[in-house]
Amino acid sequence: MFLQRSREDEIAAFLSDLRGGPDFRQKFISVLSRMTEDEWAILEKKVLELAQEFQKEKEEKQQESDAEKAANLYLESNRSEKGPDAPVSSVKESDAV
């Protein structure tokens, strides 16, 4: 079973792993450690913007998926009312009349 660690324990474990030698993680943490309060505020703002964009994209994909499901349900119900081999007119065809 996995033991749930506190945030402080996770950070301490990560920092102890960094002692293994210079790599990207060590360089990245070094840069972060030199950031000013203003830079942290900017970074937080940008991370929140990114999260909002991901959320918006996720919602748009869900809306597209929901619309596609609704259209398929409509077409299927239309086919079952007219019979399995009956042609189903599209929305564009019915608007043209």
C-alpha atoms as a PDB file:
ATOM      1  CA  MET A   1       0.000   0.000   0.000  1.00  0.00           C
ATOM      2  CA  PHE A   2       1.085   3.567  -0.648  1.00  0.00           C
ATOM      3  CA  LEU A   3       1.593   5.888   2.283  1.00  0.00           C
ATOM      4  CA  GLN A   4       0.145   9.329   1.794  1.00  0.00           C
ATOM      5  CA  ARG A   5       2.849  11.921   2.380  1.00  0.00           C
ATOM      6  CA  SER A   6       2.387  15.525   3.380  1.00  0.00           C
ATOM      7  CA  ARG A   7       3.381  18.263   0.966  1.00  0.00           C
ATOM      8  CA  GLU A   8       6.435  18.993   3.128  1.00  0.00           C
ATOM      9  CA  ASP A   9       7.489  15.315   3.000  1.00  0.00           C
ATOM     10  CA  GLU A  10       7.083  15.255  -0.795  1.00  0.00           C
ATOM     11  CA  ILE A  11       9.215  18.376  -1.159  1.00  0.00           C
ATOM     12  CA  ALA A  12      11.894  17.014   1.188  1.00  0.00           C
ATOM     13  CA  ALA A  13      12.023  13.735  -0.761  1.00  0.00           C
ATOM     14  CA  PHE A  14      12.287  15.632  -4.046  1.00  0.00           C
ATOM     15  CA  LEU A  15      15.069  17.852  -2.739  1.00  0.00           C
ATOM     16  CA  SER A  16      17.032  14.869  -1.462  1.00  0.00           C
ATOM     17  CA  ASP A  17      16.769  13.322  -4.949  1.00  0.00           C
ATOM     18  CA  LEU A  18      18.287  16.500  -6.430  1.00  0.00           C
ATOM     19  CA  ARG A  19      21.592  15.869  -4.678  1.00  0.00           C
ATOM     20  CA  GLY A  20      22.429  13.168  -7.222  1.00  0.00           C
ATOM     21  CA  GLY A  21      24.044  15.575  -9.654  1.00  0.00           C
ATOM     22  CA  PRO A  22      23.352  18.461 -11.996  1.00  0.00           C
ATOM     23  CA  ASP A  23      20.386  17.778 -14.191  1.00  0.00           C
ATOM     24  CA  PHE A  24      17.392  19.701 -15.468  1.00  0.00           C
ATOM     25  CA  ARG A  25      15.510  19.426 -12.166  1.00  0.00           C
ATOM     26  CA  GLN A  26      18.406  20.844 -10.198  1.00  0.00           C
ATOM     27  CA  LYS A  27      18.884  23.738 -12.620  1.00  0.00           C
ATOM     28  CA  PHE A  28      15.153  24.437 -12.672  1.00  0.00           C
ATOM     29  CA  ILE A  29      14.898  24.525  -8.863  1.00  0.00           C
ATOM     30  CA  SER A  30      17.948  26.784  -8.757  1.00  0.00           C
ATOM     31  CA  VAL A  31      16.261  29.262 -11.103  1.00  0.00           C
ATOM     32  CA  LEU A  32      13.029  29.103  -9.110  1.00  0.00           C
ATOM     33  CA  SER A  33      14.912  29.749  -5.871  1.00  0.00           C
ATOM     34  CA  ARG A  34      16.162  33.078  -7.266  1.00  0.00           C
ATOM     35  CA  MET A  35      12.735  34.376  -8.309  1.00  0.00           C
ATOM     36  CA  THR A  36      11.416  37.578  -6.732  1.00  0.00           C
ATOM     37  CA  GLU A  37       7.939  37.912  -5.253  1.00  0.00           C
ATOM     38  CA  ASP A  38       6.836  39.789  -8.386  1.00  0.00           C
ATOM     39  CA  GLU A  39       8.153  36.991 -10.601  1.00  0.00           C
ATOM     40  CA  TRP A  40       6.283  34.420  -8.515  1.00  0.00           C
ATOM     41  CA  ALA A  41       3.104  36.483  -8.896  1.00  0.00           C
ATOM     42  CA  ILE A  42       3.578  36.597 -12.678  1.00  0.00           C
ATOM     43  CA  LEU A  43       4.261  32.862 -12.801  1.00  0.00           C
ATOM     44  CA  GLU A  44       1.149  32.141 -10.750  1.00  0.00           C
ATOM     45  CA  LYS A  45      -0.943  34.352 -13.049  1.00  0.00           C
ATOM     46  CA  LYS A  46       0.363  32.578 -16.147  1.00  0.00           C
ATOM     47  CA  VAL A  47      -0.194  29.120 -14.664  1.00  0.00           C
ATOM     48  CA  LEU A  48      -3.785  30.086 -13.819  1.00  0.00           C
ATOM     49  CA  GLU A  49      -4.292  31.406 -17.371  1.00  0.00           C
ATOM     50  CA  LEU A  50      -2.988  28.135 -18.750  1.00  0.00           C
ATOM     51  CA  ALA A  51      -5.304  26.143 -16.478  1.00  0.00           C
ATOM     52  CA  GLN A  52      -8.262  28.246 -17.642  1.00  0.00           C
ATOM     53  CA  GLU A  53      -7.373  27.616 -21.283  1.00  0.00           C
ATOM     54  CA  PHE A  54      -7.190  23.876 -20.663  1.00  0.00           C
ATOM     55  CA  GLN A  55     -10.547  23.988 -18.871  1.00  0.00           C
ATOM     56  CA  LYS A  56     -12.138  26.010 -21.688  1.00  0.00           C
ATOM     57  CA  GLU A  57     -10.780  23.576 -24.291  1.00  0.00           C
ATOM     58  CA  LYS A  58     -12.102  20.636 -22.276  1.00  0.00           C
ATOM     59  CA  GLU A  59     -15.553  22.246 -22.017  1.00  0.00           C
ATOM     60  CA  GLU A  60     -15.618  23.025 -25.754  1.00  0.00           C
ATOM     61  CA  LYS A  61     -14.732  19.426 -26.597  1.00  0.00           C
ATOM     62  CA  GLN A  62     -17.442  18.209 -24.228  1.00  0.00           C
ATOM     63  CA  GLN A  63     -19.999  20.524 -25.865  1.00  0.00           C
ATOM     64  CA  GLU A  64     -19.003  19.256 -29.316  1.00  0.00           C
ATOM     65  CA  SER A  65     -19.299  15.691 -28.097  1.00  0.00           C
ATOM     66  CA  ASP A  66     -22.706  16.385 -26.529  1.00  0.00           C
ATOM     67  CA  ALA A  67     -23.943  18.046 -29.733  1.00  0.00           C
ATOM     68  CA  GLU A  68     -22.743  15.104 -31.810  1.00  0.00           C
ATOM     69  CA  LYS A  69     -24.466  12.647 -29.464  1.00  0.00           C
ATOM     70  CA  ALA A  70     -27.692  14.648 -29.629  1.00  0.00           C
ATOM     71  CA  ALA A  71     -27.550  14.753 -33.434  1.00  0.00           C
ATOM     72  CA  ASN A  72     -26.960  11.000 -33.596  1.00  0.00           C
ATOM     73  CA  LEU A  73     -29.850  10.336 -31.223  1.00  0.00           C
ATOM     74  CA  TYR A  74     -32.079  12.545 -33.327  1.00  0.00           C
ATOM     75  CA  LEU A  75     -31.080  10.766 -36.530  1.00  0.00           C
ATOM     76  CA  GLU A  76     -31.563   7.350 -34.950  1.00  0.00           C
ATOM     77  CA  SER A  77     -34.998   8.250 -33.610  1.00  0.00           C
ATOM     78  CA  ASN A  78     -35.927   9.653 -37.024  1.00  0.00           C
ATOM     79  CA  ARG A  79     -34.830   6.416 -38.713  1.00  0.00           C
ATOM     80  CA  SER A  80     -36.741   4.223 -36.288  1.00  0.00           C
ATOM     81  CA  GLU A  81     -39.950   6.208 -36.888  1.00  0.00           C
ATOM     82  CA  LYS A  82     -39.627   5.977 -40.687  1.00  0.00           C
ATOM     83  CA  GLY A  83     -38.236   2.473 -40.849  1.00  0.00           C
ATOM     84  CA  PRO A  84     -34.685   1.182 -41.093  1.00  0.00           C
ATOM     85  CA  ASP A  85     -34.242   1.802 -44.843  1.00  0.00           C
ATOM     86  CA  ALA A  86     -35.994   5.174 -45.079  1.00  0.00           C
ATOM     87  CA  PRO A  87     -33.779   8.065 -46.156  1.00  0.00           C
ATOM     88  CA  VAL A  88     -33.230  10.733 -43.551  1.00  0.00           C
ATOM     89  CA  SER A  89     -33.080  14.293 -44.802  1.00  0.00           C
ATOM     90  CA  SER A  90     -30.366  16.480 -43.374  1.00  0.00           C
ATOM     91  CA  VAL A  91     -30.990  19.795 -41.701  1.00  0.00           C
ATOM     92  CA  LYS A  92     -29.583  21.626 -44.723  1.00  0.00           C
ATOM     93  CA  GLU A  93     -32.026  19.858 -47.067  1.00  0.00           C
ATOM     94  CA  SER A  94     -35.031  20.675 -44.906  1.00  0.00           C
ATOM     95  CA  ASP A  95     -33.964  24.333 -44.592  1.00  0.00           C
ATOM     96  CA  ALA A  96     -33.756  24.668 -48.365  1.00  0.00           C
ATOM     97  CA  VAL A  97     -37.455  23.836 -48.815  1.00  0.00           C
END
